[in-house]
Amino acid sequence: MKLKLSNRYWKSLLLVGAVVVVLGLVAVRQRSARNAAQSSQTDSFYPVRDESGLRLKQVGFQAVSSEPEHPTPAARPAPTRKLVRNGRVTLRVSDYDPFFAALQQQVAALQGYVAQLEVQRSSGVVTGAQIALRVPPAQLDALVNWLRRQGMFVSEQITDEDVSEQYYDVRARLDNARRFESRLLEMVRTQTGRLQDLMLVEEKLNEVRAQIEQMEAKIRYFDNLVSMATLTLTVQVPRHGVLAAPPAFLERCARIWRQSVRSLTTLTQELALAGVAIAPWVLPVLAVLSLGWYGLKALVLGWTKLRGAKTA
């Protein structure tokens, strides 16, 4: 009887403990759910900003356009496009000199300049020219329109090349290289370790500085291309203009005399060179001719004696 009471006691105790554990687990789960609900409710009061700059309120999941409670910095402006304007024009004019003088004045009025000039002449008369002009990009169209009124257009080509991607890529790499250079300089100033490590840092610093110089040169090159447009102008001048005057009689005589003297001088030089070339062969040829002569003479003499003997 005593043993049976003890078994009941232990069974009741285990049952009570199991109930307590289950209730505890249920309480913990409810508390976790309550905390999560409170957290989500609290988060809904914090404003969220989307990409367009509108403040979002998590009420019904709708975006509400309203001013922020605290002012934010202005948005970074979009990068400026980098356009390289170039052009090629072939123009035919009747008279070159007045045209070029007017062209210089017009280019100067447009705040440009003549970058390169190459003129072709024939018999003292200009027959064509290649001119490289540089003007601000906004004035390129005005210059082309002015050229239309100066002569006949043979060909025209205007191009706009967008180099924004290359430009800003080099700019970004240049900024990163400068920041890296600053960190390397700081390492050099604070380096207290081995001399070998310091030498490696300085070597890397020199490499970075060389890269910075190359990128700065490329940025300057892009800036130069973008800041001024280049127009390559080909000028054609018809040859039906002023004819060259015929030379005078005395001038013709002098020219023929000079040509004759040059021909005589050339002939004399050729004969002298021929004599120099023949001189080494004179003695051998004379010796051969002498031997041949004496041999032929002896042969004739012998043949004559032999014939006389037969006759006698």
Protein backbone atom coordinates (compact mmCIF):
# COMPACT_ATOMS: atom_id res chain seq x y z
CA MET A 1 0.00 0.00 0.00
CA LYS A 2 2.85 2.25 0.83
CA LEU A 3 4.58 1.53 -2.50
CA LYS A 4 1.40 2.22 -4.47
CA LEU A 5 1.01 5.64 -2.88
CA SER A 6 4.56 6.50 -3.82
CA ASN A 7 3.96 5.64 -7.50
CA ARG A 8 0.86 7.81 -7.67
CA TYR A 9 2.73 10.65 -6.13
CA TRP A 10 5.49 10.54 -8.68
CA LYS A 11 3.08 10.23 -11.59
CA SER A 12 1.13 13.30 -10.42
CA LEU A 13 4.35 15.24 -10.01
CA LEU A 14 5.51 14.41 -13.54
CA LEU A 15 2.14 15.38 -14.97
CA VAL A 16 2.19 18.73 -13.22
CA GLY A 17 5.71 19.40 -14.47
CA ALA A 18 4.73 18.61 -18.06
CA VAL A 19 1.78 21.00 -17.83
CA VAL A 20 4.01 23.74 -16.46
CA VAL A 21 6.51 23.28 -19.32
CA VAL A 22 3.76 23.42 -21.95
CA LEU A 23 2.28 26.55 -20.44
CA GLY A 24 5.71 28.15 -20.34
CA LEU A 25 6.33 27.42 -24.01
CA VAL A 26 2.93 28.85 -24.93
CA ALA A 27 3.65 32.00 -22.92
CA VAL A 28 7.04 32.45 -24.57
CA ARG A 29 5.55 32.06 -28.02
CA GLN A 30 2.79 34.58 -27.33
CA ARG A 31 5.30 37.05 -25.95
CA SER A 32 7.49 36.71 -29.07
CA ALA A 33 4.47 37.29 -31.31
CA ARG A 34 3.51 40.36 -29.27
CA ASN A 35 7.03 41.82 -29.55
CA ALA A 36 7.09 41.27 -33.32
CA ALA A 37 3.74 43.02 -33.68
CA GLN A 38 4.94 45.96 -31.59
CA SER A 39 8.16 46.17 -33.62
CA SER A 40 6.29 46.25 -36.96
CA GLN A 41 3.90 48.84 -35.59
CA THR A 42 6.80 50.98 -34.40
CA ASP A 43 8.60 50.67 -37.74
CA SER A 44 5.57 51.95 -39.58
CA PHE A 45 6.05 55.37 -37.96
CA TYR A 46 9.55 55.84 -39.41
CA PRO A 47 9.61 57.57 -42.82
CA VAL A 48 11.31 55.76 -45.67
CA ARG A 49 12.63 57.53 -48.77
CA ASP A 50 12.45 55.93 -52.18
CA GLU A 51 14.69 56.71 -55.19
CA SER A 52 12.50 59.58 -56.35
CA GLY A 53 12.86 61.43 -53.02
CA LEU A 54 9.24 60.85 -51.82
CA ARG A 55 8.62 59.99 -48.19
CA LEU A 56 6.77 56.69 -47.84
CA LYS A 57 4.41 55.87 -44.97
CA GLN A 58 3.63 52.25 -44.32
CA VAL A 59 -0.08 52.92 -43.98
CA GLY A 60 -1.98 50.84 -46.47
CA PHE A 61 1.35 50.46 -48.40
CA GLN A 62 0.78 53.73 -50.32
CA ALA A 63 3.44 56.30 -51.19
CA VAL A 64 2.48 59.76 -49.99
CA SER A 65 4.23 62.79 -51.46
CA SER A 66 5.12 65.12 -48.63
CA GLU A 67 8.01 67.26 -47.54
CA PRO A 68 10.53 65.60 -45.24
CA GLU A 69 10.52 66.57 -41.63
CA HIS A 70 14.22 67.48 -41.83
CA PRO A 71 15.78 69.10 -44.90
CA THR A 72 18.17 66.89 -46.86
CA PRO A 73 21.13 67.95 -49.01
CA ALA A 74 20.37 68.85 -52.61
CA ALA A 75 20.61 66.04 -55.10
CA ARG A 76 23.92 65.77 -56.94
CA PRO A 77 23.57 67.36 -60.41
CA ALA A 78 23.77 65.09 -63.42
CA PRO A 79 27.20 65.05 -65.10
CA THR A 80 27.62 67.30 -68.11
CA ARG A 81 27.84 65.54 -71.46
CA LYS A 82 31.23 65.77 -73.14
CA LEU A 83 30.77 66.24 -76.88
CA VAL A 84 33.60 66.57 -79.40
CA ARG A 85 32.43 68.53 -82.46
CA ASN A 86 34.38 68.17 -85.70
CA GLY A 87 33.66 69.09 -89.28
CA ARG A 88 35.02 68.84 -92.81
CA VAL A 89 34.04 71.28 -95.54
CA THR A 90 35.24 71.58 -99.14
CA LEU A 91 34.62 75.02 -100.60
CA ARG A 92 35.30 76.45 -104.08
CA VAL A 93 36.03 80.18 -104.30
CA SER A 94 36.95 82.45 -107.20
CA ASP A 95 39.74 84.42 -105.47
CA TYR A 96 41.74 83.08 -102.54
CA ASP A 97 43.41 86.14 -101.00
CA PRO A 98 40.25 88.21 -100.28
CA PHE A 99 38.51 85.07 -99.03
CA PHE A 100 41.29 84.19 -96.59
CA ALA A 101 41.44 87.74 -95.23
CA ALA A 102 37.68 87.71 -94.58
CA LEU A 103 37.95 84.21 -93.06
CA GLN A 104 40.53 85.36 -90.53
CA GLN A 105 38.30 88.23 -89.44
CA GLN A 106 35.24 85.99 -89.13
CA VAL A 107 37.09 83.34 -87.10
CA ALA A 108 38.49 85.99 -84.76
CA ALA A 109 34.97 87.43 -84.31
CA LEU A 110 33.77 83.96 -83.29
CA GLN A 111 36.57 83.73 -80.68
CA GLY A 112 38.47 81.13 -82.68
CA TYR A 113 41.81 80.89 -84.46
CA VAL A 114 43.56 79.33 -87.45
CA ALA A 115 45.34 76.23 -86.13
CA GLN A 116 47.01 75.09 -89.36
CA LEU A 117 47.45 76.41 -92.90
CA GLU A 118 48.80 74.73 -96.04
CA VAL A 119 48.63 76.55 -99.39
CA GLN A 120 49.26 75.06 -102.86
CA ARG A 121 50.59 77.37 -105.59
CA SER A 122 51.26 76.94 -109.30
CA SER A 123 53.15 79.58 -111.31
CA GLY A 124 52.74 81.98 -108.42
CA VAL A 125 48.97 81.55 -108.28
CA VAL A 126 47.11 79.88 -105.39
CA THR A 127 45.30 76.76 -106.60
CA GLY A 128 44.12 75.35 -103.26
CA ALA A 129 44.57 75.35 -99.50
CA GLN A 130 44.03 73.18 -96.42
CA ILE A 131 42.99 75.19 -93.34
CA ALA A 132 42.33 73.85 -89.83
CA LEU A 133 40.06 76.18 -87.83
CA ARG A 134 39.20 75.97 -84.13
CA VAL A 135 36.16 77.75 -82.73
CA PRO A 136 33.92 77.27 -79.68
CA PRO A 137 31.48 74.38 -80.28
CA ALA A 138 28.48 76.72 -80.09
CA GLN A 139 29.95 78.83 -82.94
CA LEU A 140 30.65 75.98 -85.38
CA ASP A 141 27.24 76.21 -87.06
CA ALA A 142 27.60 79.98 -87.43
CA LEU A 143 30.98 79.53 -89.13
CA VAL A 144 29.59 76.92 -91.54
CA ASN A 145 26.68 79.19 -92.42
CA TRP A 146 29.09 82.04 -93.12
CA LEU A 147 31.14 79.79 -95.40
CA ARG A 148 28.02 78.96 -97.41
CA ARG A 149 27.83 82.58 -98.51
CA GLN A 150 31.48 82.76 -99.61
CA GLY A 151 31.49 80.22 -102.43
CA MET A 152 30.16 76.90 -103.67
CA PHE A 153 30.02 73.98 -101.25
CA VAL A 154 31.53 70.80 -102.71
CA SER A 155 31.13 68.63 -99.60
CA GLU A 156 30.19 69.03 -95.93
CA GLN A 157 30.42 66.75 -92.89
CA ILE A 158 29.71 67.65 -89.24
CA THR A 159 30.09 65.06 -86.46
CA ASP A 160 29.33 65.12 -82.73
CA GLU A 161 31.16 62.42 -80.77
CA ASP A 162 30.07 61.73 -77.18
CA VAL A 163 33.12 60.99 -75.02
CA SER A 164 31.30 61.31 -71.69
CA GLU A 165 31.80 57.67 -70.75
CA GLN A 166 35.56 57.73 -71.42
CA TYR A 167 35.95 61.11 -69.74
CA TYR A 168 34.16 60.28 -66.49
CA ASP A 169 35.75 56.82 -66.36
CA VAL A 170 39.19 58.44 -66.43
CA ARG A 171 38.01 61.06 -63.92
CA ALA A 172 36.80 58.37 -61.48
CA ARG A 173 40.02 56.40 -61.78
CA LEU A 174 41.98 59.60 -61.25
CA ASP A 175 40.08 60.38 -58.04
CA ASN A 176 40.67 56.84 -56.75
CA ALA A 177 44.35 57.07 -57.61
CA ARG A 178 44.67 60.36 -55.74
CA ARG A 179 43.02 58.87 -52.65
CA PHE A 180 45.35 55.89 -52.86
CA GLU A 181 48.28 58.28 -53.17
CA SER A 182 47.18 60.06 -49.98
CA ARG A 183 47.02 56.76 -48.11
CA LEU A 184 50.48 55.79 -49.34
CA LEU A 185 51.88 59.17 -48.27
CA GLU A 186 50.37 58.65 -44.83
CA MET A 187 51.98 55.21 -44.66
CA VAL A 188 55.35 56.70 -45.60
CA ARG A 189 55.04 59.35 -42.88
CA THR A 190 54.03 56.86 -40.20
CA GLN A 191 56.13 53.88 -41.30
CA THR A 192 58.32 52.61 -38.47
CA GLY A 193 58.92 49.04 -39.63
CA ARG A 194 61.57 47.53 -41.82
CA LEU A 195 63.42 49.47 -44.49
CA GLN A 196 62.34 46.92 -47.11
CA ASP A 197 58.67 47.62 -46.41
CA LEU A 198 59.26 51.37 -46.72
CA MET A 199 61.00 50.88 -50.07
CA LEU A 200 58.05 48.82 -51.35
CA VAL A 201 55.62 51.56 -50.33
CA GLU A 202 57.70 54.24 -52.05
CA GLU A 203 57.93 52.11 -55.21
CA LYS A 204 54.17 51.72 -55.27
CA LEU A 205 53.80 55.46 -54.66
CA ASN A 206 55.93 56.21 -57.73
CA GLU A 207 53.79 53.88 -59.85
CA VAL A 208 50.60 55.56 -58.65
CA ARG A 209 52.01 59.03 -59.37
CA ALA A 210 52.95 57.96 -62.91
CA GLN A 211 49.40 56.71 -63.45
CA ILE A 212 48.02 59.98 -62.08
CA GLU A 213 50.15 61.99 -64.53
CA GLN A 214 48.94 59.88 -67.46
CA MET A 215 45.30 60.26 -66.45
CA GLU A 216 45.70 64.01 -65.91
CA ALA A 217 47.18 64.30 -69.41
CA LYS A 218 44.24 62.38 -70.83
CA ILE A 219 41.79 64.63 -68.99
CA ARG A 220 43.53 67.70 -70.43
CA TYR A 221 43.34 66.12 -73.89
CA PHE A 222 39.60 65.53 -73.55
CA ASP A 223 39.09 69.06 -72.20
CA ASN A 224 40.94 70.50 -75.18
CA LEU A 225 38.83 68.51 -77.64
CA VAL A 226 35.57 69.43 -75.92
CA SER A 227 36.33 73.10 -75.35
CA MET A 228 36.98 73.91 -79.04
CA ALA A 229 35.47 72.44 -82.21
CA THR A 230 37.77 71.69 -85.16
CA LEU A 231 36.76 72.45 -88.75
CA THR A 232 39.01 71.22 -91.57
CA LEU A 233 38.43 73.48 -94.56
CA THR A 234 39.59 72.51 -98.07
CA VAL A 235 39.63 75.50 -100.44
CA GLN A 236 39.61 74.98 -104.20
CA VAL A 237 40.48 77.83 -106.58
CA PRO A 238 39.76 77.38 -110.33
CA ARG A 239 42.73 78.03 -112.63
CA HIS A 240 40.85 80.29 -115.05
CA GLY A 241 42.00 83.38 -113.20
CA VAL A 242 45.16 85.41 -113.81
CA LEU A 243 47.53 83.88 -116.38
CA ALA A 244 51.26 84.13 -115.97
CA ALA A 245 52.90 86.66 -118.34
CA PRO A 246 55.16 85.13 -121.05
CA PRO A 247 58.91 85.62 -120.45
CA ALA A 248 60.72 88.45 -122.29
CA PHE A 249 63.09 87.85 -125.25
CA LEU A 250 66.26 88.57 -123.30
CA GLU A 251 65.08 86.30 -120.51
CA ARG A 252 64.50 83.51 -123.03
CA CYS A 253 67.96 84.04 -124.54
CA ALA A 254 69.57 83.92 -121.11
CA ARG A 255 67.67 80.78 -120.22
CA ILE A 256 68.71 79.03 -123.48
CA TRP A 257 72.35 80.13 -122.96
CA ARG A 258 72.31 78.67 -119.46
CA GLN A 259 70.82 75.42 -120.73
CA SER A 260 73.46 75.21 -123.48
CA VAL A 261 76.30 75.85 -121.05
CA ARG A 262 74.92 73.21 -118.71
CA SER A 263 74.72 70.72 -121.63
CA LEU A 264 78.32 71.50 -122.71
CA THR A 265 79.53 71.10 -119.15
CA THR A 266 77.73 67.79 -118.84
CA LEU A 267 79.21 66.55 -122.15
CA THR A 268 82.73 67.56 -121.10
CA GLN A 269 82.35 65.75 -117.82
CA GLU A 270 81.07 62.63 -119.58
CA LEU A 271 84.03 62.65 -122.04
CA ALA A 272 86.50 63.12 -119.18
CA LEU A 273 84.95 60.21 -117.31
CA ALA A 274 85.12 58.09 -120.47
CA GLY A 275 88.83 58.91 -120.86
CA VAL A 276 89.50 57.95 -117.27
CA ALA A 277 87.65 54.70 -117.81
CA ILE A 278 89.61 53.86 -121.05
CA ALA A 279 93.10 54.82 -119.77
CA PRO A 280 93.89 51.50 -118.01
CA TRP A 281 93.14 49.59 -121.26
CA VAL A 282 95.41 51.63 -123.59
CA LEU A 283 98.75 49.82 -122.98
CA PRO A 284 97.33 46.27 -123.09
CA VAL A 285 95.42 47.03 -126.28
CA LEU A 286 98.52 48.59 -127.94
CA ALA A 287 100.62 45.60 -126.98
CA VAL A 288 98.10 43.18 -128.44
CA LEU A 289 97.81 45.23 -131.62
CA SER A 290 101.63 45.41 -131.98
CA LEU A 291 102.03 41.67 -131.59
CA GLY A 292 99.29 41.08 -134.09
CA TRP A 293 100.83 43.47 -136.57
CA TYR A 294 104.30 41.92 -136.35
CA GLY A 295 102.87 38.43 -136.53
CA LEU A 296 100.82 39.28 -139.59
CA LYS A 297 103.84 40.97 -141.21
CA ALA A 298 106.04 37.92 -140.60
CA LEU A 299 103.35 35.63 -141.98
CA VAL A 300 103.02 37.70 -145.16
CA LEU A 301 106.79 37.85 -145.57
CA GLY A 302 107.15 34.10 -145.15
CA TRP A 303 104.36 33.41 -147.58
CA THR A 304 106.00 35.74 -150.16
CA LYS A 305 109.39 33.97 -149.84
CA LEU A 306 107.75 30.59 -150.16
CA ARG A 307 105.93 31.63 -153.30
CA GLY A 308 109.14 33.05 -154.84
CA ALA A 309 110.97 29.82 -154.14
CA LYS A 310 108.28 27.75 -155.86
CA THR A 311 108.37 30.02 -158.89
CA ALA A 312 112.13 29.72 -159.25
